[in-house]
N, C-alpha and C. Protein backbone atom coordinates (compact mmCIF):
# COMPACT_ATOMS: atom_id res chain seq x y z
N MET A 1 14.29 9.23 2.21
CA MET A 1 13.73 9.23 0.72
C MET A 1 13.67 10.10 0.14
N ASP A 2 14.58 11.20 0.05
CA ASP A 2 14.94 12.53 -0.01
C ASP A 2 16.35 12.17 -0.47
N PHE A 3 17.26 12.01 0.27
CA PHE A 3 18.56 11.51 -0.28
C PHE A 3 18.30 10.56 -1.14
N PHE A 4 17.28 9.50 -1.29
CA PHE A 4 17.12 8.73 -2.35
C PHE A 4 17.14 9.41 -3.85
N VAL A 5 16.04 10.15 -3.51
CA VAL A 5 15.73 10.72 -4.37
C VAL A 5 17.33 12.01 -5.46
N ARG A 6 17.52 12.59 -4.63
CA ARG A 6 18.67 13.83 -4.40
C ARG A 6 19.45 12.88 -5.35
N LYS A 7 19.80 11.33 -5.15
CA LYS A 7 21.47 10.62 -5.44
C LYS A 7 21.06 10.90 -6.72
N THR A 8 19.75 9.87 -6.80
CA THR A 8 19.27 9.54 -8.23
C THR A 8 19.17 10.79 -10.11
N GLU A 9 18.94 11.71 -8.61
CA GLU A 9 19.25 12.75 -10.43
C GLU A 9 20.08 13.06 -10.30
N SER A 10 21.09 12.84 -9.02
CA SER A 10 22.73 13.39 -9.47
C SER A 10 22.62 12.40 -10.22
N MET A 11 23.09 11.06 -10.09
CA MET A 11 23.41 9.78 -10.27
C MET A 11 23.12 10.03 -12.06
N LEU A 12 21.25 10.20 -12.31
CA LEU A 12 21.19 10.82 -13.20
C LEU A 12 21.74 12.06 -14.54
N LYS A 13 22.08 13.14 -14.32
CA LYS A 13 22.58 14.51 -14.19
C LYS A 13 24.14 13.75 -14.73
N GLU A 14 24.82 12.90 -13.88
CA GLU A 14 25.87 13.09 -14.80
C GLU A 14 25.93 11.77 -15.67
N TYR A 15 25.12 10.57 -15.33
CA TYR A 15 24.53 9.93 -17.10
C TYR A 15 24.71 11.30 -18.06
N GLU A 16 23.86 12.14 -17.92
CA GLU A 16 23.25 12.78 -19.12
C GLU A 16 24.86 13.46 -19.97
N ASN A 17 25.27 14.12 -19.06
CA ASN A 17 26.53 14.64 -19.34
C ASN A 17 27.92 14.02 -19.64
N ASP A 18 27.55 12.57 -19.42
CA ASP A 18 29.01 11.63 -19.89
C ASP A 18 28.27 11.89 -20.98
N PRO A 19 30.16 12.53 -22.26
CA PRO A 19 30.12 12.20 -23.85
C PRO A 19 29.56 10.79 -24.23
N THR A 20 30.78 10.28 -22.84
CA THR A 20 30.55 8.17 -24.15
C THR A 20 29.41 7.96 -23.84
N ASN A 21 28.34 8.06 -23.42
CA ASN A 21 26.78 7.22 -23.23
C ASN A 21 25.52 8.43 -23.81
N GLU A 22 25.38 7.82 -25.18
CA GLU A 22 24.13 8.71 -25.42
C GLU A 22 22.90 8.87 -26.04
N LEU A 23 21.79 9.87 -25.45
CA LEU A 23 20.61 9.22 -25.26
C LEU A 23 19.94 9.10 -26.10
N GLU A 24 19.04 8.27 -25.96
CA GLU A 24 18.22 8.51 -27.18
C GLU A 24 17.19 8.90 -26.95
N LYS A 25 16.50 10.01 -27.75
CA LYS A 25 15.56 11.33 -27.84
C LYS A 25 14.08 10.11 -27.93
N ASN A 26 13.63 8.93 -27.66
CA ASN A 26 12.27 8.64 -27.81
C ASN A 26 12.18 8.31 -26.20
N ARG A 27 13.40 7.95 -25.06
CA ARG A 27 13.74 7.55 -23.73
C ARG A 27 12.42 8.19 -22.98
N THR A 28 11.80 7.62 -22.60
CA THR A 28 11.26 8.37 -21.44
C THR A 28 12.48 8.33 -19.90
N TYR A 29 11.95 9.41 -18.74
CA TYR A 29 12.90 9.40 -17.61
C TYR A 29 12.88 8.71 -17.30
N VAL A 30 11.93 7.53 -17.01
CA VAL A 30 11.58 6.77 -16.20
C VAL A 30 12.86 5.28 -17.13
N GLU A 31 12.32 5.17 -18.35
CA GLU A 31 12.98 4.29 -19.05
C GLU A 31 15.04 4.39 -19.02
N GLU A 32 15.03 5.92 -18.63
CA GLU A 32 16.63 6.52 -18.72
C GLU A 32 17.35 5.74 -17.08
N VAL A 33 16.08 6.01 -16.03
CA VAL A 33 16.67 5.93 -14.50
C VAL A 33 16.58 4.07 -14.50
N GLY A 34 15.97 4.34 -15.06
CA GLY A 34 15.51 2.71 -15.15
C GLY A 34 17.18 2.03 -15.69
N LYS A 35 17.52 2.22 -16.82
CA LYS A 35 18.95 1.88 -17.24
C LYS A 35 20.21 1.91 -16.93
N LEU A 36 19.68 3.81 -16.32
CA LEU A 36 20.39 3.72 -14.82
C LEU A 36 21.05 3.08 -13.80
N MET A 37 20.26 2.58 -13.80
CA MET A 37 19.59 1.84 -12.52
C MET A 37 20.45 -0.42 -12.72
N GLY A 38 20.36 -0.09 -13.95
CA GLY A 38 20.53 -1.55 -14.32
C GLY A 38 19.37 -2.49 -14.37
N ILE A 39 18.13 -1.91 -14.50
CA ILE A 39 16.78 -2.96 -14.53
C ILE A 39 15.57 -2.79 -15.55
N SER A 40 14.58 -3.82 -15.99
CA SER A 40 14.13 -3.15 -16.93
C SER A 40 12.10 -2.89 -16.68
N ILE A 41 11.83 -2.36 -17.50
CA ILE A 41 10.33 -2.50 -17.20
C ILE A 41 9.42 -3.16 -17.95
N PRO A 42 9.10 -4.32 -17.30
CA PRO A 42 8.53 -5.25 -18.03
C PRO A 42 7.04 -4.74 -19.46
N LYS A 43 6.84 -5.42 -20.12
CA LYS A 43 6.02 -4.34 -21.28
C LYS A 43 4.18 -5.14 -20.56
N ASP A 44 4.76 -6.56 -20.53
CA ASP A 44 3.41 -6.76 -20.25
C ASP A 44 3.49 -7.40 -18.32
N ILE A 45 2.50 -6.66 -17.90
CA ILE A 45 2.51 -6.97 -16.37
C ILE A 45 1.39 -8.04 -16.30
N ASP A 46 1.63 -8.88 -15.22
CA ASP A 46 0.38 -9.92 -14.99
C ASP A 46 0.06 -10.01 -13.19
N ILE A 47 -0.97 -9.34 -13.19
CA ILE A 47 -1.27 -9.26 -11.58
C ILE A 47 -2.46 -9.94 -11.37
N ASN A 48 -2.64 -11.09 -10.57
CA ASN A 48 -3.53 -11.86 -10.04
C ASN A 48 -3.73 -11.45 -9.07
N VAL A 49 -5.84 -10.80 -8.91
CA VAL A 49 -6.83 -10.03 -8.42
C VAL A 49 -7.07 -11.74 -7.32
N PRO A 50 -6.42 -11.00 -5.73
CA PRO A 50 -7.75 -11.41 -4.93
C PRO A 50 -8.61 -11.97 -5.07
N ASN A 51 -9.50 -12.84 -4.46
CA ASN A 51 -10.66 -13.49 -4.18
C ASN A 51 -10.88 -12.18 -2.83
N VAL A 52 -12.47 -11.89 -3.25
CA VAL A 52 -12.92 -11.16 -2.14
C VAL A 52 -13.95 -11.62 -0.71
N GLN A 53 -12.91 -11.14 0.26
CA GLN A 53 -13.48 -11.86 1.71
C GLN A 53 -14.06 -11.29 2.41
N SER A 54 -15.04 -11.22 2.72
CA SER A 54 -15.89 -10.76 3.81
C SER A 54 -15.42 -10.93 4.97
N ASN A 55 -15.29 -9.78 5.89
CA ASN A 55 -15.07 -9.97 7.46
C ASN A 55 -16.00 -9.76 7.89
N LYS A 56 -17.13 -9.38 7.54
CA LYS A 56 -18.16 -8.78 8.25
C LYS A 56 -18.74 -9.66 9.57
N GLY A 57 -18.80 -9.52 10.40
CA GLY A 57 -18.89 -10.03 11.52
C GLY A 57 -17.38 -10.75 11.96
N SER A 58 -16.77 -10.70 11.56
CA SER A 58 -15.83 -11.38 11.83
C SER A 58 -16.16 -12.71 12.93
N GLY A 59 -16.81 -13.57 12.81
CA GLY A 59 -17.10 -14.77 13.35
C GLY A 59 -17.54 -14.41 14.65
N LYS A 60 -17.71 -13.35 15.47
CA LYS A 60 -18.30 -13.17 16.54
C LYS A 60 -20.52 -13.48 16.29
N LYS A 61 -20.79 -14.29 16.73
CA LYS A 61 -21.38 -14.03 17.28
C LYS A 61 -22.44 -12.55 17.88
N ASN A 62 -22.35 -11.93 18.41
CA ASN A 62 -22.96 -10.98 20.13
C ASN A 62 -22.00 -9.97 19.30
N ARG A 63 -23.04 -8.84 19.61
CA ARG A 63 -22.09 -7.78 18.87
C ARG A 63 -21.54 -6.99 20.85
N ILE A 64 -20.44 -5.83 21.14
CA ILE A 64 -20.21 -5.78 22.15
C ILE A 64 -21.30 -4.62 22.54
N GLN A 65 -21.99 -5.36 24.01
CA GLN A 65 -22.90 -4.45 24.41
C GLN A 65 -22.48 -3.42 25.30
N SER A 66 -22.68 -2.02 24.89
CA SER A 66 -22.37 -0.97 26.37
C SER A 66 -23.08 -1.21 27.86
N GLU A 67 -22.56 -0.19 28.23
CA GLU A 67 -22.74 -0.82 29.71
C GLU A 67 -24.47 -0.10 30.38
N GLU A 68 -24.50 0.65 29.55
CA GLU A 68 -26.53 0.96 29.78
C GLU A 68 -27.06 -0.60 29.51
N GLU A 69 -26.74 -1.21 28.88
CA GLU A 69 -27.42 -2.64 28.44
C GLU A 69 -26.75 -3.68 29.21
N ILE A 70 -25.93 -3.48 29.90
CA ILE A 70 -26.01 -4.65 30.75
C ILE A 70 -26.39 -4.31 31.94
N ALA A 71 -26.18 -2.19 32.20
CA ALA A 71 -27.13 -2.72 33.61
C ALA A 71 -28.58 -2.21 33.66
N TYR A 72 -29.15 -2.00 32.25
CA TYR A 72 -30.13 -2.76 31.84
C TYR A 72 -30.63 -3.88 32.07
N LYS A 73 -29.90 -4.98 31.79
CA LYS A 73 -30.39 -6.61 32.16
C LYS A 73 -29.97 -6.79 33.26
N ILE A 74 -29.20 -6.65 34.03
CA ILE A 74 -28.89 -7.35 35.44
C ILE A 74 -30.45 -6.21 36.67
N GLN A 75 -30.86 -4.96 36.05
CA GLN A 75 -31.83 -4.78 36.37
C GLN A 75 -32.82 -5.26 36.79
N THR A 76 -33.08 -5.41 35.16
CA THR A 76 -34.77 -6.43 35.12
C THR A 76 -34.49 -8.04 35.63
N SER A 77 -33.28 -8.30 35.32
CA SER A 77 -33.24 -9.43 35.75
C SER A 77 -33.06 -9.75 37.54
N LYS A 78 -32.68 -8.64 38.19
CA LYS A 78 -33.50 -8.62 39.55
C LYS A 78 -34.53 -8.20 39.64
N GLN A 79 -35.63 -7.71 39.15
CA GLN A 79 -36.51 -7.22 39.07
C GLN A 79 -37.13 -8.49 39.33
N GLU A 80 -36.89 -9.14 37.80
CA GLU A 80 -37.87 -10.88 37.83
C GLU A 80 -37.82 -11.61 38.99
N ASP A 81 -36.68 -11.73 39.16
CA ASP A 81 -36.21 -13.09 40.56
C ASP A 81 -37.18 -12.02 41.71
N ALA A 82 -36.80 -10.90 41.79
CA ALA A 82 -38.13 -10.66 43.44
C ALA A 82 -39.13 -11.08 43.44
């Protein structure tokens, strides 16, 4: 990523120092980099927000029991059998 940033900055400096290119005063850094790379930034951005989905419970009916709970149930079931 660092290489990309350095390369982009060096390309921008080369572009700015080239006398054949005239920079427009009202353009921003982002617009200049976009022009240098040959891309354009859209004016209107349409983003479809996804429907919120609840994953509470995850379809699992029982929670995972601790070792103490399992041992207690085994102990109480043995006592009931006796």
